[in-house]
Amino acid sequence: MQKDTTVREEKITGRGLTSHTLLAGDPSKPAVLLLHGAGPGAHAGSNWLHLMPDLAENFFVIAPDLIGFGQSVIPDPWPDNVMAWIGTRVEQCFGLLDTLGIEKAHVVGNSMGGALTLQMMSEEPDRIDRVVLMGSIGAPGPRTPELARLLSFYSDPRPARYRQLMHSFAHDADKFEGMEEIVNNRYKIATDPEIMKTAVAMIDSMKQGIETLNMPPSILSKLPHKVLIFHGRQDRIVPSRYQPLPDRAPAARRALRARPFGPLVAARALGCNAPDAGNPLRGADLLSAFCKP
């Protein structure tokens, strides 16, 4: 029998928060929760739509527009700082799992979604199974020129600047298939007047307090989860050397990295907010292999 991997849309409410959610696959399969990044114009579809049908071969795939992005309902009053935004999204994600009747899920977090994943792991660790961090923030590091330009986009939201921003996500934008279509589609979302009302305030909160998202090693070292860190060697927004790894002896870290699915996989051409979009089948295969029992 052929598996149904069609991506469908639903509005789902849990813990008082309503999420516009993409779903794919059989609900009786193990659940995978996909958490997107925070670039202007980001939402669940822009990050994950190309991966979901392939992941749905083996998993029940859940990808919400995180609060403040896409079509999810924004609470009133809005969060007034970056940690309050993250806390709201923690409640959103666990509320989504509650409503769907999912006790435990694998979680994949990209960029800002990685910092959200780490916070979820630390608050309700028994609800999280295996974890994949893709170009994740959550560790101390510099504000690179590309990150600074991302955070300042709404100071000058012209198409040319957005194109430069999106090109900085890819290792070689000229060879990135469909890049111009991605730029045009996301620019329309990023500059939609209704979305901009929230996005400007949200990005401003990140400018003021993005460092507060860093997870202390004292917390990281106590987390029991199996974690795959998947990061671009050439990532110019979040350099790969600044990753949220707990302190380990160098020999142990080398041994873990030598395993086929240890804590760090360096992908030469992966960008921060483009999770293997240039070769989605490779990304889906990698995630499926790591999350399978």
Protein backbone atom coordinates (compact mmCIF):
# COMPACT_ATOMS: atom_id res chain seq x y z
CA MET A 1 0.00 0.00 0.00
CA GLN A 2 1.34 3.42 -0.95
CA LYS A 3 1.94 5.73 1.99
CA ASP A 4 0.15 9.07 2.09
CA THR A 5 2.82 11.76 2.51
CA THR A 6 0.62 14.70 1.53
CA VAL A 7 1.26 17.88 3.51
CA ARG A 8 -1.92 19.33 5.01
CA GLU A 9 -2.69 22.51 6.98
CA GLU A 10 -4.57 22.83 10.28
CA LYS A 11 -5.17 25.43 12.97
CA ILE A 12 -4.51 23.71 16.31
CA THR A 13 -5.01 25.24 19.77
CA GLY A 14 -3.18 24.09 22.89
CA ARG A 15 -2.34 25.83 26.19
CA GLY A 16 -4.34 28.82 24.95
CA LEU A 17 -2.22 29.37 21.83
CA THR A 18 -3.35 28.70 18.25
CA SER A 19 -0.82 27.42 15.73
CA HIS A 20 -1.04 27.34 11.97
CA THR A 21 0.48 23.90 11.47
CA LEU A 22 1.68 21.76 8.57
CA LEU A 23 1.15 18.03 9.10
CA ALA A 24 2.22 14.98 7.09
CA GLY A 25 2.29 11.25 7.61
CA ASP A 26 0.53 8.69 9.79
CA PRO A 27 -0.31 9.92 13.34
CA SER A 28 0.40 6.41 14.64
CA LYS A 29 4.08 6.77 13.62
CA PRO A 30 6.74 8.37 15.84
CA ALA A 31 6.32 12.16 15.86
CA VAL A 32 8.90 14.64 14.57
CA LEU A 33 8.42 18.30 15.46
CA LEU A 34 10.14 20.73 13.06
CA LEU A 35 10.98 24.21 14.40
CA HIS A 36 12.00 26.87 11.88
CA GLY A 37 14.40 29.80 12.18
CA ALA A 38 13.84 33.53 12.66
CA GLY A 39 14.92 35.30 9.49
CA PRO A 40 12.51 37.91 8.07
CA GLY A 41 9.81 36.07 6.10
CA ALA A 42 10.47 32.72 7.81
CA HIS A 43 7.64 30.30 8.56
CA ALA A 44 7.13 26.54 8.66
CA GLY A 45 6.62 26.15 4.92
CA SER A 46 9.70 28.16 3.95
CA ASN A 47 11.93 25.95 6.09
CA TRP A 48 10.40 22.50 5.90
CA LEU A 49 7.93 22.00 3.06
CA HIS A 50 10.48 20.35 0.78
CA LEU A 51 11.54 17.88 3.52
CA MET A 52 8.16 16.89 4.93
CA PRO A 53 6.93 14.36 2.31
CA ASP A 54 10.16 12.36 2.58
CA LEU A 55 10.17 12.42 6.39
CA ALA A 56 6.50 11.38 6.34
CA GLU A 57 7.52 8.00 4.92
CA ASN A 58 8.55 7.00 8.46
CA PHE A 59 7.22 9.68 10.84
CA PHE A 60 4.23 11.81 11.76
CA VAL A 61 5.65 15.21 10.85
CA ILE A 62 4.52 18.42 12.59
CA ALA A 63 5.73 21.87 11.54
CA PRO A 64 4.08 24.91 13.18
CA ASP A 65 4.49 28.56 12.28
CA LEU A 66 6.14 29.64 15.51
CA ILE A 67 4.37 32.45 17.35
CA GLY A 68 5.30 35.73 15.66
CA PHE A 69 5.73 34.13 12.23
CA GLY A 70 3.41 33.03 9.47
CA GLN A 71 -0.27 32.55 10.30
CA SER A 72 -0.14 31.47 13.95
CA VAL A 73 -2.19 33.68 16.28
CA ILE A 74 -0.17 36.20 18.27
CA PRO A 75 -1.19 36.56 21.93
CA ASP A 76 -2.38 39.89 23.27
CA PRO A 77 -0.37 41.52 24.75
CA TRP A 78 2.69 40.61 22.69
CA PRO A 79 5.83 39.35 24.44
CA ASP A 80 8.09 42.33 25.15
CA ASN A 81 11.54 40.69 25.07
CA VAL A 82 13.30 37.85 23.27
CA MET A 83 13.08 35.39 26.19
CA ALA A 84 9.35 36.04 26.52
CA TRP A 85 8.96 35.23 22.81
CA ILE A 86 10.86 31.97 23.33
CA GLY A 87 8.84 31.14 26.43
CA THR A 88 5.61 31.68 24.52
CA ARG A 89 6.85 29.35 21.79
CA VAL A 90 7.79 26.70 24.38
CA GLU A 91 4.19 26.74 25.60
CA GLN A 92 2.96 26.76 21.99
CA CYS A 93 4.95 23.66 21.04
CA PHE A 94 4.11 21.61 24.12
CA GLY A 95 0.48 22.70 23.82
CA LEU A 96 0.49 21.51 20.22
CA LEU A 97 1.81 18.11 21.29
CA ASP A 98 -0.77 17.99 24.10
CA THR A 99 -3.66 18.58 21.71
CA LEU A 100 -2.35 16.02 19.22
CA GLY A 101 -2.05 13.45 22.03
CA ILE A 102 1.73 13.08 21.63
CA GLU A 103 3.57 12.25 24.85
CA LYS A 104 7.07 12.30 23.34
CA ALA A 105 8.49 13.61 20.05
CA HIS A 106 11.74 13.94 18.19
CA VAL A 107 12.55 17.62 17.66
CA VAL A 108 14.48 19.29 14.83
CA GLY A 109 15.41 22.93 15.48
CA ASN A 110 16.94 25.25 12.88
CA SER A 111 18.73 28.47 13.90
CA MET A 112 16.40 30.23 16.39
CA GLY A 113 14.37 27.01 16.43
CA GLY A 114 17.49 25.35 17.84
CA ALA A 115 17.56 27.72 20.82
CA LEU A 116 13.84 27.01 21.30
CA THR A 117 14.57 23.28 21.19
CA LEU A 118 17.24 23.60 23.89
CA GLN A 119 14.81 25.50 26.12
CA MET A 120 12.16 22.81 25.61
CA MET A 121 14.69 20.09 26.45
CA SER A 122 15.61 21.83 29.69
CA GLU A 123 12.01 22.46 30.82
CA GLU A 124 10.20 19.21 29.99
CA PRO A 125 12.96 16.71 29.11
CA ASP A 126 10.68 13.68 29.28
CA ARG A 127 8.60 15.02 26.38
CA ILE A 128 11.61 15.08 24.02
CA ASP A 129 13.16 12.03 22.37
CA ARG A 130 16.05 12.56 19.95
CA VAL A 131 17.12 16.04 18.91
CA VAL A 132 18.62 17.49 15.73
CA LEU A 133 20.08 21.01 15.82
CA MET A 134 20.63 22.56 12.39
CA GLY A 135 22.65 25.76 12.25
CA SER A 136 21.48 26.39 15.79
CA ILE A 137 22.02 29.42 17.98
CA GLY A 138 22.24 28.93 21.73
CA ALA A 139 25.97 29.22 22.44
CA PRO A 140 28.14 32.32 22.99
CA GLY A 141 29.50 33.70 19.74
CA PRO A 142 30.11 36.92 17.85
CA ARG A 143 27.56 38.98 15.98
CA THR A 144 28.90 38.33 12.51
CA PRO A 145 28.36 41.00 9.83
CA GLU A 146 25.72 38.75 8.23
CA LEU A 147 23.86 38.30 11.53
CA ALA A 148 23.99 42.04 12.17
CA ARG A 149 22.48 42.69 8.73
CA LEU A 150 19.75 40.12 9.36
CA LEU A 151 18.80 41.82 12.62
CA SER A 152 18.81 45.26 10.95
CA PHE A 153 16.76 44.28 7.88
CA TYR A 154 13.65 46.23 8.85
CA SER A 155 15.70 49.43 9.11
CA ASP A 156 15.88 49.35 5.30
CA PRO A 157 13.54 46.63 3.94
CA ARG A 158 14.27 47.05 0.24
CA PRO A 159 14.33 44.08 -2.21
CA ALA A 160 18.05 44.45 -2.94
CA ARG A 161 18.95 44.21 0.74
CA TYR A 162 16.69 41.18 1.18
CA ARG A 163 18.38 39.46 -1.75
CA GLN A 164 21.78 40.07 -0.15
CA LEU A 165 20.47 38.68 3.13
CA MET A 166 19.09 35.52 1.58
CA HIS A 167 22.25 34.97 -0.48
CA SER A 168 24.29 35.09 2.75
CA PHE A 169 22.44 31.95 3.95
CA ALA A 170 23.88 29.79 1.17
CA HIS A 171 27.46 28.68 0.61
CA ASP A 172 27.22 29.52 -3.11
CA ALA A 173 23.97 31.32 -3.91
CA ASP A 174 24.69 31.34 -7.66
CA LYS A 175 24.51 27.53 -7.67
CA PHE A 176 21.55 27.30 -5.27
CA GLU A 177 18.65 25.95 -7.31
CA GLY A 178 15.51 28.08 -7.03
CA MET A 179 17.19 30.85 -5.00
CA GLU A 180 15.47 33.71 -6.85
CA GLU A 181 12.05 32.14 -6.30
CA ILE A 182 12.83 31.72 -2.60
CA VAL A 183 13.95 35.35 -2.36
CA ASN A 184 10.81 36.66 -4.06
CA ASN A 185 8.38 34.50 -2.11
CA ARG A 186 9.91 35.22 1.28
CA TYR A 187 10.28 38.94 0.56
CA LYS A 188 6.53 39.19 -0.03
CA ILE A 189 5.93 37.57 3.36
CA ALA A 190 8.60 39.60 5.17
CA THR A 191 7.15 42.90 3.93
CA ASP A 192 3.46 42.09 4.28
CA PRO A 193 2.10 45.03 6.33
CA GLU A 194 0.28 42.79 8.81
CA ILE A 195 3.31 40.56 9.36
CA MET A 196 5.66 43.54 9.65
CA LYS A 197 3.70 44.91 12.63
CA THR A 198 4.90 41.95 14.67
CA ALA A 199 8.16 41.20 12.89
CA VAL A 200 9.71 44.61 13.51
CA ALA A 201 9.07 44.36 17.27
CA MET A 202 10.22 40.75 17.38
CA ILE A 203 13.47 41.35 15.48
CA ASP A 204 14.13 44.41 17.66
CA SER A 205 13.85 42.19 20.73
CA MET A 206 16.49 39.89 19.23
CA LYS A 207 18.80 42.84 18.60
CA GLN A 208 18.55 43.80 22.25
CA GLY A 209 18.81 40.38 23.85
CA ILE A 210 19.84 37.53 21.54
CA GLU A 211 22.65 36.60 23.95
CA THR A 212 20.05 35.67 26.58
CA LEU A 213 19.16 32.65 24.41
CA ASN A 214 22.56 31.07 25.12
CA MET A 215 22.12 27.89 27.15
CA PRO A 216 24.61 27.59 30.05
CA PRO A 217 26.92 24.54 29.91
CA SER A 218 25.80 23.67 33.45
CA ILE A 219 22.33 22.98 32.05
CA LEU A 220 23.46 21.45 28.77
CA SER A 221 25.68 18.92 30.51
CA LYS A 222 22.71 17.50 32.44
CA LEU A 223 20.43 16.96 29.45
CA PRO A 224 19.98 13.22 28.78
CA HIS A 225 18.99 13.45 25.11
CA LYS A 226 20.80 12.07 22.09
CA VAL A 227 21.62 15.11 19.93
CA LEU A 228 22.81 15.41 16.35
CA ILE A 229 24.33 18.79 15.50
CA PHE A 230 24.16 19.43 11.78
CA HIS A 231 25.93 22.61 10.75
CA GLY A 232 27.46 24.24 7.70
CA ARG A 233 31.23 24.55 7.69
CA GLN A 234 30.84 27.80 5.74
CA ASP A 235 27.92 29.19 7.75
CA ARG A 236 28.53 32.94 7.87
CA ILE A 237 25.62 33.80 10.17
CA VAL A 238 26.27 31.28 12.97
CA PRO A 239 29.87 30.02 12.57
CA SER A 240 30.07 26.28 13.15
CA ARG A 241 32.62 26.59 15.98
CA TYR A 242 29.97 28.33 18.12
CA GLN A 243 27.72 25.40 18.87
CA PRO A 244 25.76 24.56 22.05
CA LEU A 245 27.81 21.55 23.17
CA PRO A 246 28.27 20.68 26.84
CA ASP A 247 31.84 20.65 28.10
CA ARG A 248 33.46 17.29 27.40
CA ALA A 249 37.02 16.07 27.49
CA PRO A 250 38.67 16.54 24.06
CA ALA A 251 39.25 12.79 23.65
CA ALA A 252 35.59 12.02 24.35
CA ARG A 253 34.46 14.71 21.94
CA ARG A 254 36.72 13.33 19.18
CA ALA A 255 35.38 9.82 19.80
CA LEU A 256 31.78 10.97 19.62
CA ARG A 257 32.35 12.94 16.44
CA ALA A 258 33.86 9.85 14.81
CA ARG A 259 30.56 7.95 15.12
CA PRO A 260 28.29 7.91 12.05
CA PHE A 261 25.67 9.91 13.96
CA GLY A 262 27.60 11.55 16.75
CA PRO A 263 26.96 15.07 18.02
CA LEU A 264 28.40 16.99 15.06
CA VAL A 265 28.00 16.55 11.32
CA ALA A 266 29.64 19.33 9.30
CA ALA A 267 28.02 19.92 5.94
CA ARG A 268 30.19 21.98 3.62
CA ALA A 269 27.43 23.84 1.79
CA LEU A 270 24.71 24.13 4.42
CA GLY A 271 23.47 27.61 5.32
CA CYS A 272 21.96 28.82 8.57
CA ASN A 273 18.28 29.03 7.64
CA ALA A 274 18.29 26.69 4.63
CA PRO A 275 18.31 23.16 6.09
CA ASP A 276 19.90 21.27 3.19
CA ALA A 277 17.42 22.85 0.78
CA GLY A 278 19.87 22.36 -2.05
CA ASN A 279 19.61 18.60 -1.58
CA PRO A 280 16.48 17.87 0.49
CA LEU A 281 16.63 14.10 0.04
CA ARG A 282 20.02 14.01 1.74
CA GLY A 283 18.67 16.00 4.65
CA ALA A 284 15.59 13.79 4.97
CA ASP A 285 17.72 10.64 4.86
CA LEU A 286 20.05 11.98 7.54
CA LEU A 287 17.24 12.96 9.88
CA SER A 288 15.36 9.70 9.34
CA ALA A 289 18.45 7.59 10.01
CA PHE A 290 19.23 9.45 13.25
CA CYS A 291 15.65 9.43 14.61
CA LYS A 292 14.79 5.82 13.79
CA PRO A 293 14.91 3.50 16.84
